[in-house]
Amino acid sequence: MFLAEFRIALASVSAFFVSQQADIYVFYWLKSKFPKLWWLRNVGSTAFSQFVDTVVFFHIAFLFVMPWQNILMLIAGDYLIKFILAFLNTPLFYLFAIRMQNFLGICAK
C-alpha cells in the first residue's frame, strides 16, 4: 500500500516539475515567434505542457502495474479534459492580462 502511495506522489511531483519547465520553454518560444498572438501562447504552451504532465504522471504511476492499453486510455481521457480546459481558459487569460496592463499602466503594443 505504501509503495502505491509513493509511486503516485513521485509521479505527481515528477510530472509537475517536467511539465512546468516545458510550459515555460514553449510559452517563451511561442512569444518570440508570435509576439502578438496571446491566445496561441496560452493554449499552445498549456496544451503541450499538459500532454507532458499527463504522459509522465501515468507512466510513473501505473507502468508495470496495469496493462499498457489501460494506461493509454487513461492518458487519452485525462488529456482530452485538460486540452478542452486549455481552450476554455483563454478568455480568462485575456481578461487577466488586460487588467494587469491597466493596473500597471503598461500600454499594449
Protein backbone atom coordinates (compact mmCIF):
# COMPACT_ATOMS: atom_id res chain seq x y z
CA MET A 1 0.00 0.00 0.00
CA PHE A 2 2.75 2.48 0.86
CA LEU A 3 4.55 1.66 -2.37
CA ALA A 4 1.47 2.65 -4.38
CA GLU A 5 1.22 5.95 -2.50
CA PHE A 6 4.91 6.59 -3.10
CA ARG A 7 4.53 5.92 -6.84
CA ILE A 8 1.61 8.34 -7.07
CA ALA A 9 3.47 11.02 -5.11
CA LEU A 10 6.64 10.53 -7.16
CA ALA A 11 4.63 10.60 -10.39
CA SER A 12 2.85 13.79 -9.36
CA VAL A 13 5.97 15.67 -8.34
CA SER A 14 7.94 14.49 -11.37
CA ALA A 15 5.17 15.37 -13.79
CA PHE A 16 4.80 18.80 -12.19
CA PHE A 17 8.47 19.72 -12.48
CA VAL A 18 8.92 18.39 -16.02
CA SER A 19 5.69 19.92 -17.34
CA GLN A 20 6.33 23.32 -15.74
CA GLN A 21 9.72 23.51 -17.43
CA ALA A 22 8.12 22.55 -20.73
CA ASP A 23 5.35 25.13 -20.25
CA ILE A 24 7.80 27.97 -19.60
CA TYR A 25 10.03 26.99 -22.51
CA VAL A 26 7.16 26.65 -25.02
CA PHE A 27 5.42 29.82 -23.79
CA TYR A 28 8.52 31.97 -24.34
CA TRP A 29 9.38 30.22 -27.60
CA LEU A 30 5.89 30.98 -28.92
CA LYS A 31 6.19 34.54 -27.63
CA SER A 32 9.40 35.03 -29.62
CA LYS A 33 7.83 33.61 -32.80
CA PHE A 34 4.31 35.09 -32.48
CA PRO A 35 4.54 38.12 -30.14
CA LYS A 36 1.01 39.40 -30.78
CA LEU A 37 -0.87 36.10 -30.51
CA TRP A 38 -1.56 35.83 -26.78
CA TRP A 39 -4.12 33.08 -27.27
CA LEU A 40 -1.59 30.93 -29.14
CA ARG A 41 0.95 31.27 -26.33
CA ASN A 42 -1.64 30.42 -23.71
CA VAL A 43 -3.27 27.49 -25.49
CA GLY A 44 -0.12 26.17 -27.16
CA SER A 45 2.10 26.11 -24.09
CA THR A 46 -0.67 24.78 -21.85
CA ALA A 47 -1.72 22.07 -24.30
CA PHE A 48 1.87 20.90 -24.76
CA SER A 49 2.83 21.00 -21.08
CA GLN A 50 -0.37 19.24 -20.02
CA PHE A 51 0.37 16.47 -22.51
CA VAL A 52 3.85 16.12 -20.99
CA ASP A 53 2.33 16.19 -17.48
CA THR A 54 -0.22 13.51 -18.33
CA VAL A 55 2.24 11.15 -20.01
CA VAL A 56 4.90 11.48 -17.29
CA PHE A 57 2.37 11.02 -14.49
CA PHE A 58 0.66 7.94 -15.88
CA HIS A 59 3.94 6.29 -16.87
CA ILE A 60 5.48 6.65 -13.44
CA ALA A 61 2.28 5.95 -11.51
CA PHE A 62 0.97 2.93 -13.41
CA LEU A 63 3.67 1.42 -15.64
CA PHE A 64 4.08 -2.29 -14.79
CA VAL A 65 1.01 -2.02 -12.53
CA MET A 66 -1.74 -2.14 -15.14
CA PRO A 67 -1.91 -3.14 -18.79
CA TRP A 68 -0.47 -0.70 -21.33
CA GLN A 69 -3.83 -0.38 -23.12
CA ASN A 70 -5.47 0.81 -19.91
CA ILE A 71 -2.73 3.38 -19.35
CA LEU A 72 -3.23 4.70 -22.89
CA MET A 73 -6.97 5.04 -22.28
CA LEU A 74 -6.31 6.93 -19.05
CA ILE A 75 -3.82 9.22 -20.79
CA ALA A 76 -6.25 9.94 -23.63
CA GLY A 77 -9.19 10.69 -21.35
CA ASP A 78 -7.21 12.81 -18.93
CA TYR A 79 -5.51 14.78 -21.69
CA LEU A 80 -8.77 15.40 -23.54
CA ILE A 81 -10.20 17.11 -20.47
CA LYS A 82 -7.04 19.18 -19.99
CA PHE A 83 -6.98 20.17 -23.67
CA ILE A 84 -10.59 21.38 -23.56
CA LEU A 85 -9.89 23.37 -20.41
CA ALA A 86 -6.85 24.98 -22.07
CA PHE A 87 -9.17 26.46 -24.71
CA LEU A 88 -11.83 27.44 -22.20
CA ASN A 89 -9.41 29.43 -20.04
CA THR A 90 -8.32 31.69 -22.92
CA PRO A 91 -10.93 34.43 -22.25
CA LEU A 92 -9.83 34.48 -18.60
CA PHE A 93 -6.21 34.76 -19.72
CA TYR A 94 -7.07 37.80 -21.86
CA LEU A 95 -9.12 39.41 -19.10
CA PHE A 96 -6.33 38.95 -16.55
CA ALA A 97 -3.63 40.20 -18.93
CA ILE A 98 -5.59 43.32 -19.89
CA ARG A 99 -6.44 44.12 -16.27
CA MET A 100 -2.81 43.71 -15.25
CA GLN A 101 -1.69 46.03 -18.05
CA ASN A 102 -4.21 48.63 -16.92
CA PHE A 103 -3.24 48.21 -13.28
CA LEU A 104 0.47 48.53 -14.02
CA GLY A 105 -0.03 51.27 -16.59
CA ILE A 106 1.51 49.27 -19.42
CA CYS A 107 0.49 50.18 -22.96
CA ALA A 108 -0.22 47.18 -25.20
CA LYS A 109 1.81 47.29 -28.40
